[in-house]
C-alpha atoms as a PDB file:
ATOM      1  CA  MET A   1      90.353 268.522 116.606  1.00  0.00           C
ATOM      2  CA  LYS A   2      86.615 268.107 117.018  1.00  0.00           C
ATOM      3  CA  ARG A   3      83.533 268.083 114.864  1.00  0.00           C
ATOM      4  CA  PHE A   4      81.481 271.245 114.631  1.00  0.00           C
ATOM      5  CA  ALA A   5      78.064 270.980 116.259  1.00  0.00           C
ATOM      6  CA  GLY A   6      75.334 270.896 113.652  1.00  0.00           C
ATOM      7  CA  ALA A   7      77.764 270.269 110.786  1.00  0.00           C
ATOM      8  CA  PRO A   8      78.980 266.640 110.978  1.00  0.00           C
ATOM      9  CA  HIS A   9      81.578 266.984 108.223  1.00  0.00           C
ATOM     10  CA  LEU A  10      83.134 270.201 109.526  1.00  0.00           C
ATOM     11  CA  ILE A  11      86.181 269.841 111.755  1.00  0.00           C
ATOM     12  CA  ARG A  12      87.746 272.683 113.722  1.00  0.00           C
ATOM     13  CA  GLU A  13      90.534 273.107 116.219  1.00  0.00           C
ATOM     14  CA  PRO A  14      89.427 273.142 119.857  1.00  0.00           C
ATOM     15  CA  ARG A  15      89.639 276.496 121.590  1.00  0.00           C
ATOM     16  CA  ALA A  16      93.102 277.091 123.007  1.00  0.00           C
ATOM     17  CA  PRO A  17      93.565 277.737 126.747  1.00  0.00           C
ATOM     18  CA  HIS A  18      92.875 281.387 127.534  1.00  0.00           C
ATOM     19  CA  GLU A  19      91.703 282.026 123.951  1.00  0.00           C
ATOM     20  CA  VAL A  20      89.060 284.734 124.100  1.00  0.00           C
ATOM     21  CA  LEU A  21      85.682 283.627 122.743  1.00  0.00           C
ATOM     22  CA  ARG A  22      85.526 286.721 120.531  1.00  0.00           C
ATOM     23  CA  ASP A  23      88.658 285.493 118.714  1.00  0.00           C
ATOM     24  CA  TYR A  24      87.629 281.860 118.306  1.00  0.00           C
ATOM     25  CA  PRO A  25      86.627 280.900 114.733  1.00  0.00           C
ATOM     26  CA  THR A  26      83.229 279.264 114.886  1.00  0.00           C
ATOM     27  CA  TYR A  27      80.942 280.593 112.106  1.00  0.00           C
ATOM     28  CA  THR A  28      80.853 279.059 108.629  1.00  0.00           C
ATOM     29  CA  VAL A  29      80.465 281.402 105.662  1.00  0.00           C
ATOM     30  CA  PRO A  30      76.835 280.289 104.995  1.00  0.00           C
ATOM     31  CA  GLU A  31      75.979 280.748 108.682  1.00  0.00           C
ATOM     32  CA  ALA A  32      77.653 284.168 108.812  1.00  0.00           C
ATOM     33  CA  ALA A  33      75.824 285.216 105.644  1.00  0.00           C
ATOM     34  CA  LEU A  34      72.513 284.279 107.282  1.00  0.00           C
ATOM     35  CA  ILE A  35      73.356 286.225 110.443  1.00  0.00           C
ATOM     36  CA  LEU A  36      74.518 289.296 108.505  1.00  0.00           C
ATOM     37  CA  ALA A  37      71.568 289.111 106.063  1.00  0.00           C
ATOM     38  CA  MET A  38      73.961 288.924 103.110  1.00  0.00           C
ATOM     39  CA  SER A  39      74.125 286.675 100.099  1.00  0.00           C
ATOM     40  CA  ARG A  40      76.544 283.771 100.448  1.00  0.00           C
ATOM     41  CA  THR A  41      78.169 284.735  97.161  1.00  0.00           C
ATOM     42  CA  THR A  42      78.944 288.260  98.353  1.00  0.00           C
ATOM     43  CA  LEU A  43      80.277 287.147 101.708  1.00  0.00           C
ATOM     44  CA  HIS A  44      82.389 284.417 100.108  1.00  0.00           C
ATOM     45  CA  ARG A  45      83.921 287.059  97.854  1.00  0.00           C
ATOM     46  CA  TRP A  46      84.625 289.288 100.840  1.00  0.00           C
ATOM     47  CA  VAL A  47      86.410 286.568 102.834  1.00  0.00           C
ATOM     48  CA  ALA A  48      87.823 284.228 100.168  1.00  0.00           C
ATOM     49  CA  ASN A  49      87.919 285.307  96.531  1.00  0.00           C
ATOM     50  CA  HIS A  50      88.935 288.906  97.134  1.00  0.00           C
ATOM     51  CA  PRO A  51      89.146 289.216 100.913  1.00  0.00           C
ATOM     52  CA  PHE A  52      88.944 292.478 102.799  1.00  0.00           C
ATOM     53  CA  PHE A  53      91.083 290.859 105.504  1.00  0.00           C
ATOM     54  CA  VAL A  54      92.189 287.390 106.578  1.00  0.00           C
ATOM     55  CA  VAL A  55      89.590 285.801 108.844  1.00  0.00           C
ATOM     56  CA  SER A  56      90.529 283.875 111.982  1.00  0.00           C
ATOM     57  CA  GLY A  57      89.773 280.410 110.622  1.00  0.00           C
ATOM     58  CA  ASN A  58      91.232 280.992 107.170  1.00  0.00           C
ATOM     59  CA  ASP A  59      93.394 277.857 107.400  1.00  0.00           C
ATOM     60  CA  ALA A  60      90.562 275.560 108.534  1.00  0.00           C
ATOM     61  CA  PRO A  61      89.343 272.760 106.206  1.00  0.00           C
ATOM     62  CA  GLN A  62      86.282 274.957 105.721  1.00  0.00           C
ATOM     63  CA  ARG A  63      86.862 278.683 106.252  1.00  0.00           C
ATOM     64  CA  LEU A  64      85.545 279.820 109.650  1.00  0.00           C
ATOM     65  CA  LEU A  65      84.911 283.277 111.073  1.00  0.00           C
ATOM     66  CA  SER A  66      85.254 284.545 114.627  1.00  0.00           C
ATOM     67  CA  PHE A  67      82.886 286.959 116.352  1.00  0.00           C
ATOM     68  CA  LYS A  68      85.324 289.792 115.606  1.00  0.00           C
ATOM     69  CA  ASP A  69      85.428 288.770 111.941  1.00  0.00           C
ATOM     70  CA  LEU A  70      81.637 288.783 111.908  1.00  0.00           C
ATOM     71  CA  ALA A  71      81.455 292.216 113.554  1.00  0.00           C
ATOM     72  CA  GLN A  72      83.993 293.839 111.223  1.00  0.00           C
ATOM     73  CA  LEU A  73      82.244 292.403 108.163  1.00  0.00           C
ATOM     74  CA  TYR A  74      78.969 293.790 109.496  1.00  0.00           C
ATOM     75  CA  PHE A  75      80.648 297.185 109.855  1.00  0.00           C
ATOM     76  CA  LEU A  76      81.870 296.962 106.246  1.00  0.00           C
ATOM     77  CA  LYS A  77      78.384 296.089 105.051  1.00  0.00           C
ATOM     78  CA  PHE A  78      77.004 298.933 107.152  1.00  0.00           C
ATOM     79  CA  LEU A  79      79.653 301.321 105.809  1.00  0.00           C
ATOM     80  CA  ARG A  80      79.011 300.443 102.173  1.00  0.00           C
ATOM     81  CA  ARG A  81      75.282 300.908 102.607  1.00  0.00           C
ATOM     82  CA  GLN A  82      75.321 304.131 104.634  1.00  0.00           C
ATOM     83  CA  ALA A  83      78.195 305.894 102.830  1.00  0.00           C
ATOM     84  CA  HIS A  84      77.319 304.479  99.398  1.00  0.00           C
ATOM     85  CA  LEU A  85      80.771 303.013  98.877  1.00  0.00           C
ATOM     86  CA  SER A  86      81.975 300.484  96.358  1.00  0.00           C
ATOM     87  CA  ASP A  87      84.075 297.535  97.495  1.00  0.00           C
ATOM     88  CA  THR A  88      87.169 299.400  96.270  1.00  0.00           C
ATOM     89  CA  GLN A  89      86.342 302.521  98.281  1.00  0.00           C
ATOM     90  CA  ALA A  90      85.584 300.443 101.380  1.00  0.00           C
ATOM     91  CA  ARG A  91      88.983 298.744 101.012  1.00  0.00           C
ATOM     92  CA  ILE A  92      90.682 302.151 100.965  1.00  0.00           C
ATOM     93  CA  VAL A  93      88.990 303.100 104.235  1.00  0.00           C
ATOM     94  CA  LEU A  94      89.922 299.753 105.779  1.00  0.00           C
ATOM     95  CA  ASP A  95      93.554 300.120 104.683  1.00  0.00           C
ATOM     96  CA  TYR A  96      93.779 303.635 106.150  1.00  0.00           C
ATOM     97  CA  ALA A  97      92.228 302.401 109.379  1.00  0.00           C
ATOM     98  CA  LYS A  98      94.728 299.519 109.592  1.00  0.00           C
ATOM     99  CA  GLN A  99      97.625 301.916 109.156  1.00  0.00           C
ATOM    100  CA  ALA A 100      96.223 304.235 111.813  1.00  0.00           C
ATOM    101  CA  THR A 101      95.438 301.643 114.453  1.00  0.00           C
ATOM    102  CA  GLY A 102      97.893 298.834 113.695  1.00  0.00           C
ATOM    103  CA  SER A 103      94.993 296.518 114.451  1.00  0.00           C
ATOM    104  CA  ARG A 104      93.715 293.466 112.665  1.00  0.00           C
ATOM    105  CA  TYR A 105      90.212 294.759 113.371  1.00  0.00           C
ATOM    106  CA  PRO A 106      90.605 298.520 112.961  1.00  0.00           C
ATOM    107  CA  LEU A 107      86.941 299.219 112.295  1.00  0.00           C
ATOM    108  CA  LEU A 108      86.103 297.850 115.730  1.00  0.00           C
ATOM    109  CA  ASP A 109      88.506 300.306 117.389  1.00  0.00           C
ATOM    110  CA  GLU A 110      86.575 302.611 119.698  1.00  0.00           C
ATOM    111  CA  ASN A 111      88.943 305.473 118.793  1.00  0.00           C
ATOM    112  CA  ILE A 112      87.583 305.711 115.244  1.00  0.00           C
ATOM    113  CA  LYS A 113      85.032 308.492 115.289  1.00  0.00           C
ATOM    114  CA  ALA A 114      82.921 310.244 112.691  1.00  0.00           C
ATOM    115  CA  TRP A 115      82.654 314.013 112.648  1.00  0.00           C
ATOM    116  CA  ARG A 116      80.692 315.849 109.965  1.00  0.00           C
ATOM    117  CA  HIS A 117      82.078 314.570 106.640  1.00  0.00           C
ATOM    118  CA  HIS A 118      85.295 313.234 108.140  1.00  0.00           C
ATOM    119  CA  ALA A 119      86.329 310.036 109.859  1.00  0.00           C
ATOM    120  CA  VAL A 120      89.232 310.340 112.246  1.00  0.00           C
ATOM    121  CA  TRP A 121      91.185 308.057 114.512  1.00  0.00           C
ATOM    122  CA  THR A 122      92.114 309.672 117.799  1.00  0.00           C
ATOM    123  CA  ARG A 123      94.526 308.680 120.534  1.00  0.00           C
ATOM    124  CA  GLY A 124      95.957 310.253 123.660  1.00  0.00           C
ATOM    125  CA  SER A 125      94.733 312.394 126.504  1.00  0.00           C
ATOM    126  CA  LYS A 126      92.434 315.374 126.154  1.00  0.00           C
ATOM    127  CA  ASP A 127      95.378 317.779 126.291  1.00  0.00           C
ATOM    128  CA  ASN A 128      97.690 315.717 124.085  1.00  0.00           C
ATOM    129  CA  ARG A 129      95.497 314.135 121.451  1.00  0.00           C
ATOM    130  CA  ILE A 130      96.611 312.766 118.104  1.00  0.00           C
ATOM    131  CA  ALA A 131      94.080 312.786 115.280  1.00  0.00           C
ATOM    132  CA  LEU A 132      94.597 311.121 111.917  1.00  0.00           C
ATOM    133  CA  GLU A 133      92.051 311.613 109.174  1.00  0.00           C
ATOM    134  CA  LEU A 134      90.955 308.376 107.553  1.00  0.00           C
ATOM    135  CA  PHE A 135      88.290 309.535 105.181  1.00  0.00           C
ATOM    136  CA  LYS A 136      88.005 312.839 103.290  1.00  0.00           C
ATOM    137  CA  PRO A 137      84.844 314.358 101.770  1.00  0.00           C
ATOM    138  CA  GLN A 138      85.643 313.626  98.146  1.00  0.00           C
ATOM    139  CA  GLY A 139      82.972 312.556  95.649  1.00  0.00           C
ATOM    140  CA  GLN A 140      81.311 309.436  97.018  1.00  0.00           C
ATOM    141  CA  TYR A 141      83.848 309.283  99.819  1.00  0.00           C
ATOM    142  CA  ILE A 142      81.384 310.433 102.447  1.00  0.00           C
ATOM    143  CA  PHE A 143      81.508 308.903 105.879  1.00  0.00           C
ATOM    144  CA  GLN A 144      79.038 311.184 107.642  1.00  0.00           C
ATOM    145  CA  HIS A 145      78.045 309.823 111.010  1.00  0.00           C
ATOM    146  CA  THR A 146      78.417 306.219 109.858  1.00  0.00           C
ATOM    147  CA  VAL A 147      80.565 305.202 112.813  1.00  0.00           C
ATOM    148  CA  ASP A 148      78.227 306.862 115.288  1.00  0.00           C
ATOM    149  CA  MET A 149      75.243 305.127 113.715  1.00  0.00           C
ATOM    150  CA  PHE A 150      77.043 301.792 113.872  1.00  0.00           C
ATOM    151  CA  ALA A 151      77.608 302.368 117.585  1.00  0.00           C
ATOM    152  CA  SER A 152      73.888 301.832 118.105  1.00  0.00           C
ATOM    153  CA  ARG A 153      74.269 298.252 116.846  1.00  0.00           C
ATOM    154  CA  ILE A 154      76.947 297.173 119.347  1.00  0.00           C
ATOM    155  CA  ASP A 155      77.759 297.090 123.059  1.00  0.00           C
ATOM    156  CA  ARG A 156      81.245 297.638 124.499  1.00  0.00           C
ATOM    157  CA  ASP A 157      82.742 296.971 127.904  1.00  0.00           C
ATOM    158  CA  ARG A 158      84.424 299.631 130.048  1.00  0.00           C
ATOM    159  CA  ARG A 159      87.726 299.116 128.238  1.00  0.00           C
ATOM    160  CA  GLY A 160      86.093 299.706 124.873  1.00  0.00           C
ATOM    161  CA  SER A 161      86.218 296.086 123.720  1.00  0.00           C
ATOM    162  CA  LEU A 162      83.316 294.850 121.624  1.00  0.00           C
ATOM    163  CA  LEU A 163      80.910 292.671 123.615  1.00  0.00           C
ATOM    164  CA  ARG A 164      77.744 292.167 121.571  1.00  0.00           C
ATOM    165  CA  LEU A 165      76.374 292.734 118.109  1.00  0.00           C
ATOM    166  CA  TYR A 166      72.777 293.583 117.201  1.00  0.00           C
ATOM    167  CA  PRO A 167      72.415 293.011 113.440  1.00  0.00           C
ATOM    168  CA  TRP A 168      69.095 294.109 111.976  1.00  0.00           C
ATOM    169  CA  ARG A 169      68.373 293.510 108.306  1.00  0.00           C
ATOM    170  CA  LEU A 170      65.656 296.181 108.132  1.00  0.00           C
ATOM    171  CA  TRP A 171      67.563 298.874 110.045  1.00  0.00           C
ATOM    172  CA  THR A 172      67.270 302.491 108.940  1.00  0.00           C
ATOM    173  CA  GLU A 173      68.648 305.583 110.623  1.00  0.00           C
ATOM    174  CA  GLY A 174      66.783 306.288 113.841  1.00  0.00           C
ATOM    175  CA  ASP A 175      65.542 302.717 114.243  1.00  0.00           C
ATOM    176  CA  VAL A 176      66.311 301.689 117.824  1.00  0.00           C
ATOM    177  CA  ARG A 177      65.001 298.139 117.546  1.00  0.00           C
ATOM    178  CA  ARG A 178      67.389 295.346 118.507  1.00  0.00           C
ATOM    179  CA  PRO A 179      65.460 292.135 117.865  1.00  0.00           C
ATOM    180  CA  VAL A 180      68.522 289.914 117.347  1.00  0.00           C
ATOM    181  CA  LEU A 181      71.548 289.477 119.596  1.00  0.00           C
ATOM    182  CA  ILE A 182      74.935 287.920 118.843  1.00  0.00           C
ATOM    183  CA  ASP A 183      77.010 287.412 121.993  1.00  0.00           C
ATOM    184  CA  PRO A 184      79.955 284.959 122.106  1.00  0.00           C
ATOM    185  CA  ASN A 185      79.047 284.159 125.709  1.00  0.00           C
ATOM    186  CA  ILE A 186      75.454 283.170 124.885  1.00  0.00           C
ATOM    187  CA  LEU A 187      74.969 279.862 123.066  1.00  0.00           C
ATOM    188  CA  SER A 188      78.429 280.144 121.471  1.00  0.00           C
ATOM    189  CA  GLY A 189      77.421 283.300 119.657  1.00  0.00           C
ATOM    190  CA  ARG A 190      74.422 281.882 117.830  1.00  0.00           C
ATOM    191  CA  PRO A 191      71.631 284.405 117.065  1.00  0.00           C
ATOM    192  CA  VAL A 192      69.089 284.662 119.850  1.00  0.00           C
ATOM    193  CA  ILE A 193      66.084 286.857 120.518  1.00  0.00           C
ATOM    194  CA  THR A 194      67.470 289.837 122.387  1.00  0.00           C
ATOM    195  CA  GLY A 195      67.050 289.591 126.153  1.00  0.00           C
ATOM    196  CA  THR A 196      66.613 285.814 126.024  1.00  0.00           C
ATOM    197  CA  ARG A 197      68.565 282.649 125.320  1.00  0.00           C
ATOM    198  CA  ILE A 198      66.053 281.561 122.668  1.00  0.00           C
ATOM    199  CA  PRO A 199      67.882 280.527 119.470  1.00  0.00           C
ATOM    200  CA  ILE A 200      66.166 282.017 116.446  1.00  0.00           C
ATOM    201  CA  ILE A 201      66.939 278.920 114.393  1.00  0.00           C
ATOM    202  CA  VAL A 202      64.880 276.866 116.885  1.00  0.00           C
ATOM    203  CA  VAL A 203      61.955 279.274 116.523  1.00  0.00           C
ATOM    204  CA  ALA A 204      62.287 279.015 112.738  1.00  0.00           C
ATOM    205  CA  ALA A 205      62.235 275.217 112.952  1.00  0.00           C
ATOM    206  CA  ARG A 206      59.025 275.333 114.980  1.00  0.00           C
ATOM    207  CA  ARG A 207      57.452 277.599 112.366  1.00  0.00           C
ATOM    208  CA  LYS A 208      58.518 275.205 109.631  1.00  0.00           C
ATOM    209  CA  LYS A 209      56.696 272.428 111.450  1.00  0.00           C
ATOM    210  CA  GLY A 210      53.509 274.480 111.287  1.00  0.00           C
ATOM    211  CA  GLU A 211      53.365 276.104 114.728  1.00  0.00           C
ATOM    212  CA  THR A 212      51.865 279.582 114.900  1.00  0.00           C
ATOM    213  CA  ILE A 213      53.667 282.752 115.946  1.00  0.00           C
ATOM    214  CA  SER A 214      51.139 283.257 118.747  1.00  0.00           C
ATOM    215  CA  GLY A 215      51.642 279.728 120.057  1.00  0.00           C
ATOM    216  CA  ILE A 216      55.429 280.017 120.048  1.00  0.00           C
ATOM    217  CA  ALA A 217      55.286 283.418 121.730  1.00  0.00           C
ATOM    218  CA  GLN A 218      52.992 282.058 124.423  1.00  0.00           C
ATOM    219  CA  ASP A 219      55.332 279.136 125.091  1.00  0.00           C
ATOM    220  CA  TYR A 220      58.302 281.453 125.584  1.00  0.00           C
ATOM    221  CA  GLY A 221      56.357 284.152 127.411  1.00  0.00           C
ATOM    222  CA  ILE A 222      57.345 286.933 125.025  1.00  0.00           C
ATOM    223  CA  SER A 223      55.455 289.095 122.537  1.00  0.00           C
ATOM    224  CA  GLN A 224      54.571 287.957 119.036  1.00  0.00           C
ATOM    225  CA  ARG A 225      56.356 291.035 117.705  1.00  0.00           C
ATOM    226  CA  ARG A 226      59.669 289.848 119.145  1.00  0.00           C
ATOM    227  CA  ILE A 227      59.244 286.475 117.474  1.00  0.00           C
ATOM    228  CA  THR A 228      58.268 288.015 114.142  1.00  0.00           C
ATOM    229  CA  GLU A 229      61.059 290.592 114.053  1.00  0.00           C
ATOM    230  CA  SER A 230      63.733 288.053 114.893  1.00  0.00           C
ATOM    231  CA  LEU A 231      62.540 285.825 112.060  1.00  0.00           C
ATOM    232  CA  ARG A 232      62.336 288.774 109.698  1.00  0.00           C
ATOM    233  CA  HIS A 233      66.014 289.483 110.248  1.00  0.00           C
ATOM    234  CA  LEU A 234      67.031 285.970 109.258  1.00  0.00           C
ATOM    235  CA  HIS A 235      64.212 285.845 106.691  1.00  0.00           C
ATOM    236  CA  LEU A 236      63.101 282.500 108.098  1.00  0.00           C
ATOM    237  CA  GLY A 237      59.847 280.873 109.091  1.00  0.00           C
ATOM    238  CA  LEU A 238      57.558 283.729 108.111  1.00  0.00           C
ATOM    239  CA  ARG A 239      55.103 281.880 105.922  1.00  0.00           C
ATOM    240  CA  LYS A 240      51.740 281.291 107.541  1.00  0.00           C
ATOM    241  CA  ALA A 241      51.448 278.011 109.328  1.00  0.00           C
ATOM    242  CA  ALA A 242      48.907 275.573 107.975  1.00  0.00           C
END
């Protein structure tokens, strides 16, 4: 076992040989809440008090989340917001998706598609395709285009596996901005300014010390807008420097 960088009292198991970075539990609940722009209380309820699913580091001394956990929780947050679902309704969708895919992370399955007011899981070739409806247009149970919209916040590889996440606290439909990147292969999945390896928490620390947005942007050779938007997502370091 080893101590978690940046949290001297947190101990976690070292990554097992051949363990994929996306599956490795590394995010604390407070850290994940910051990344997902959620309240700690809400996220703690979602992963501990009344969990949607069991997270990868559930048996750790302090509960830890993997990148896949983080991504599926972001999808659930996205789903609740876009389809106006309660926690109970979101759990129904998640349960249906689990039954359809047999996956621990069914909402990350590339075969879940949205079509009009329906969400379906599809499998098979073009000529021999199986489709199972997950979500019917009933009262608030509306899932219109939510999956397709979520697709704009992620990148997949050629096999359909999730590679990167682009959370954006101020996102609205049609917004193509991706100021923040979460990639397990970049700085152990810590939030960075998209297209760079600049940790947002470092930028926030410089702001806290009184440095200006323009000065920080000049140091890194990027626009002030990129600095500002990344900080706006995490809601950090935005007060004017003295």
